[in-house]
C-alpha atoms as a PDB file:
ATOM      1  CA  UNK A   1      14.415   2.013   0.206  1.00  0.00           C
ATOM      2  CA  UNK A   2      17.390  -0.194   0.932  1.00  0.00           C
ATOM      3  CA  UNK A   3      20.883   0.664  -0.262  1.00  0.00           C
ATOM      4  CA  UNK A   4      23.354  -2.038  -1.219  1.00  0.00           C
ATOM      5  CA  UNK A   5      26.864  -2.230   0.215  1.00  0.00           C
ATOM      6  CA  UNK A   6      28.438  -0.547  -2.822  1.00  0.00           C
ATOM      7  CA  UNK A   7      26.301   2.561  -2.261  1.00  0.00           C
ATOM      8  CA  UNK A   8      26.984   2.563   1.487  1.00  0.00           C
ATOM      9  CA  UNK A   9      30.744   2.445   0.965  1.00  0.00           C
ATOM     10  CA  UNK A  10      30.610   5.214  -1.639  1.00  0.00           C
ATOM     11  CA  UNK A  11      28.608   7.515   0.638  1.00  0.00           C
ATOM     12  CA  UNK A  12      30.760   6.656   3.655  1.00  0.00           C
ATOM     13  CA  UNK A  13      33.941   7.580   1.779  1.00  0.00           C
ATOM     14  CA  UNK A  14      32.339  10.841   0.640  1.00  0.00           C
ATOM     15  CA  UNK A  15      31.181  11.567   4.227  1.00  0.00           C
ATOM     16  CA  UNK A  16      27.550  11.768   3.060  1.00  0.00           C
ATOM     17  CA  UNK A  17      24.413  11.032   5.056  1.00  0.00           C
ATOM     18  CA  UNK A  18      22.639   7.711   4.633  1.00  0.00           C
ATOM     19  CA  UNK A  19      18.917   7.862   5.375  1.00  0.00           C
ATOM     20  CA  UNK A  20      17.960   4.636   3.609  1.00  0.00           C
ATOM     21  CA  UNK A  21      17.867   1.242   5.291  1.00  0.00           C
ATOM     22  CA  UNK A  22      20.545  -1.437   4.961  1.00  0.00           C
ATOM     23  CA  UNK A  23      20.722  -5.190   5.449  1.00  0.00           C
ATOM     24  CA  UNK A  24      22.700  -7.059   8.084  1.00  0.00           C
ATOM     25  CA  UNK A  25      24.707  -8.421   5.148  1.00  0.00           C
ATOM     26  CA  UNK A  26      25.974  -4.894   4.479  1.00  0.00           C
ATOM     27  CA  UNK A  27      26.973  -4.561   8.135  1.00  0.00           C
ATOM     28  CA  UNK A  28      28.874  -7.851   7.849  1.00  0.00           C
ATOM     29  CA  UNK A  29      30.607  -6.759   4.638  1.00  0.00           C
ATOM     30  CA  UNK A  30      31.336  -3.219   5.883  1.00  0.00           C
ATOM     31  CA  UNK A  31      31.234  -3.036   9.728  1.00  0.00           C
ATOM     32  CA  UNK A  32      32.209   0.670   9.939  1.00  0.00           C
ATOM     33  CA  UNK A  33      28.631   1.534   8.919  1.00  0.00           C
ATOM     34  CA  UNK A  34      27.392   0.519  12.372  1.00  0.00           C
ATOM     35  CA  UNK A  35      29.302   3.342  14.051  1.00  0.00           C
ATOM     36  CA  UNK A  36      28.948   5.891  11.239  1.00  0.00           C
ATOM     37  CA  UNK A  37      27.415   9.036  12.731  1.00  0.00           C
ATOM     38  CA  UNK A  38      25.665   9.928   9.470  1.00  0.00           C
ATOM     39  CA  UNK A  39      23.782   6.620   9.136  1.00  0.00           C
ATOM     40  CA  UNK A  40      20.133   7.155  10.072  1.00  0.00           C
ATOM     41  CA  UNK A  41      18.486   4.062   8.607  1.00  0.00           C
ATOM     42  CA  UNK A  42      17.434   0.706   9.983  1.00  0.00           C
ATOM     43  CA  UNK A  43      19.426  -2.529   9.757  1.00  0.00           C
ATOM     44  CA  UNK A  44      17.229  -5.390   8.535  1.00  0.00           C
ATOM     45  CA  UNK A  45      18.147  -8.857   9.786  1.00  0.00           C
ATOM     46  CA  UNK A  46      17.591 -12.161   8.018  1.00  0.00           C
ATOM     47  CA  UNK A  47      14.355 -13.931   8.931  1.00  0.00           C
ATOM     48  CA  UNK A  48      13.384 -17.544   8.171  1.00  0.00           C
ATOM     49  CA  UNK A  49      10.998 -16.403   5.439  1.00  0.00           C
ATOM     50  CA  UNK A  50      13.882 -14.552   3.745  1.00  0.00           C
ATOM     51  CA  UNK A  51      15.851 -17.792   3.618  1.00  0.00           C
ATOM     52  CA  UNK A  52      12.896 -19.676   2.132  1.00  0.00           C
ATOM     53  CA  UNK A  53      12.389 -17.015  -0.544  1.00  0.00           C
ATOM     54  CA  UNK A  54      16.123 -16.938  -1.298  1.00  0.00           C
ATOM     55  CA  UNK A  55      16.030 -20.660  -2.077  1.00  0.00           C
ATOM     56  CA  UNK A  56      13.050 -20.178  -4.413  1.00  0.00           C
ATOM     57  CA  UNK A  57      14.814 -17.333  -6.209  1.00  0.00           C
ATOM     58  CA  UNK A  58      18.052 -19.296  -6.577  1.00  0.00           C
ATOM     59  CA  UNK A  59      16.142 -22.268  -8.019  1.00  0.00           C
ATOM     60  CA  UNK A  60      14.572 -20.004 -10.649  1.00  0.00           C
ATOM     61  CA  UNK A  61      17.946 -18.432 -11.460  1.00  0.00           C
ATOM     62  CA  UNK A  62      19.574 -21.852 -11.823  1.00  0.00           C
ATOM     63  CA  UNK A  63      16.830 -22.899 -14.260  1.00  0.00           C
ATOM     64  CA  UNK A  64      17.782 -20.016 -16.548  1.00  0.00           C
ATOM     65  CA  UNK A  65      21.518 -20.610 -16.051  1.00  0.00           C
ATOM     66  CA  UNK A  66      22.173 -17.473 -14.005  1.00  0.00           C
ATOM     67  CA  UNK A  67      22.738 -18.445 -10.348  1.00  0.00           C
ATOM     68  CA  UNK A  68      23.866 -15.629  -8.057  1.00  0.00           C
ATOM     69  CA  UNK A  69      25.845 -15.325  -4.836  1.00  0.00           C
ATOM     70  CA  UNK A  70      24.130 -16.141  -1.556  1.00  0.00           C
ATOM     71  CA  UNK A  71      24.505 -12.557  -0.216  1.00  0.00           C
ATOM     72  CA  UNK A  72      22.810 -11.133  -3.324  1.00  0.00           C
ATOM     73  CA  UNK A  73      19.968 -13.648  -3.152  1.00  0.00           C
ATOM     74  CA  UNK A  74      19.404 -12.897   0.553  1.00  0.00           C
ATOM     75  CA  UNK A  75      19.486  -9.151  -0.094  1.00  0.00           C
ATOM     76  CA  UNK A  76      16.833  -9.570  -2.779  1.00  0.00           C
ATOM     77  CA  UNK A  77      14.669 -11.727  -0.514  1.00  0.00           C
ATOM     78  CA  UNK A  78      14.888  -9.191   2.327  1.00  0.00           C
ATOM     79  CA  UNK A  79      13.846  -6.386  -0.023  1.00  0.00           C
ATOM     80  CA  UNK A  80      10.941  -8.364  -1.473  1.00  0.00           C
ATOM     81  CA  UNK A  81       9.630  -9.518   1.900  1.00  0.00           C
ATOM     82  CA  UNK A  82       9.690  -5.961   3.249  1.00  0.00           C
ATOM     83  CA  UNK A  83       8.325  -4.391   0.069  1.00  0.00           C
ATOM     84  CA  UNK A  84      11.439  -2.231  -0.272  1.00  0.00           C
ATOM     85  CA  UNK A  85      13.206  -1.046  -3.418  1.00  0.00           C
ATOM     86  CA  UNK A  86      16.917  -1.875  -3.665  1.00  0.00           C
ATOM     87  CA  UNK A  87      19.319   0.842  -4.776  1.00  0.00           C
ATOM     88  CA  UNK A  88      22.585  -0.624  -6.110  1.00  0.00           C
ATOM     89  CA  UNK A  89      25.260  -0.443  -8.775  1.00  0.00           C
ATOM     90  CA  UNK A  90      25.316  -4.240  -9.141  1.00  0.00           C
ATOM     91  CA  UNK A  91      23.631  -5.239 -12.404  1.00  0.00           C
ATOM     92  CA  UNK A  92      23.362  -8.880 -11.246  1.00  0.00           C
ATOM     93  CA  UNK A  93      20.202  -7.785  -9.470  1.00  0.00           C
ATOM     94  CA  UNK A  94      18.520  -7.276 -12.855  1.00  0.00           C
ATOM     95  CA  UNK A  95      18.599 -11.055 -13.385  1.00  0.00           C
ATOM     96  CA  UNK A  96      17.117 -11.553  -9.931  1.00  0.00           C
ATOM     97  CA  UNK A  97      14.356  -9.051 -10.713  1.00  0.00           C
ATOM     98  CA  UNK A  98      13.463 -11.043 -13.850  1.00  0.00           C
ATOM     99  CA  UNK A  99      12.592 -14.135 -11.783  1.00  0.00           C
ATOM    100  CA  UNK A 100      11.111 -12.430  -8.718  1.00  0.00           C
ATOM    101  CA  UNK A 101       9.196  -9.396  -7.459  1.00  0.00           C
ATOM    102  CA  UNK A 102      12.384  -7.477  -6.673  1.00  0.00           C
ATOM    103  CA  UNK A 103      12.118  -3.738  -7.218  1.00  0.00           C
ATOM    104  CA  UNK A 104      15.601  -2.530  -8.104  1.00  0.00           C
ATOM    105  CA  UNK A 105      17.130   0.741  -9.226  1.00  0.00           C
ATOM    106  CA  UNK A 106      20.572   0.474 -10.792  1.00  0.00           C
ATOM    107  CA  UNK A 107      22.764   3.553 -10.401  1.00  0.00           C
ATOM    108  CA  UNK A 108      25.472   4.125 -12.941  1.00  0.00           C
ATOM    109  CA  UNK A 109      29.060   4.518 -11.831  1.00  0.00           C
ATOM    110  CA  UNK A 110      29.855   8.129 -11.067  1.00  0.00           C
END
């Protein structure tokens, strides 16, 4: 499983452990995660095949009138290419899942 930045920040603020993986995008958005003693996951970097898939996904989203931000598209591509489920609170990923093989679990606000 991969957790999105919104989940990472929530757990960080609550001083909770993070055993799931994250993306380099999360590290860019929230650098404190890299020195967080309770982070035990892996940081996935962006590979060329992630960029290629991100373009394909964005093209499909544009065709249905629902383009998304580049970070979200890259996050989805990383998850798909590594066969990982994304855990997030961002419902924009539901649109991405409709046009791709993204496995996503949306958590409700607590």
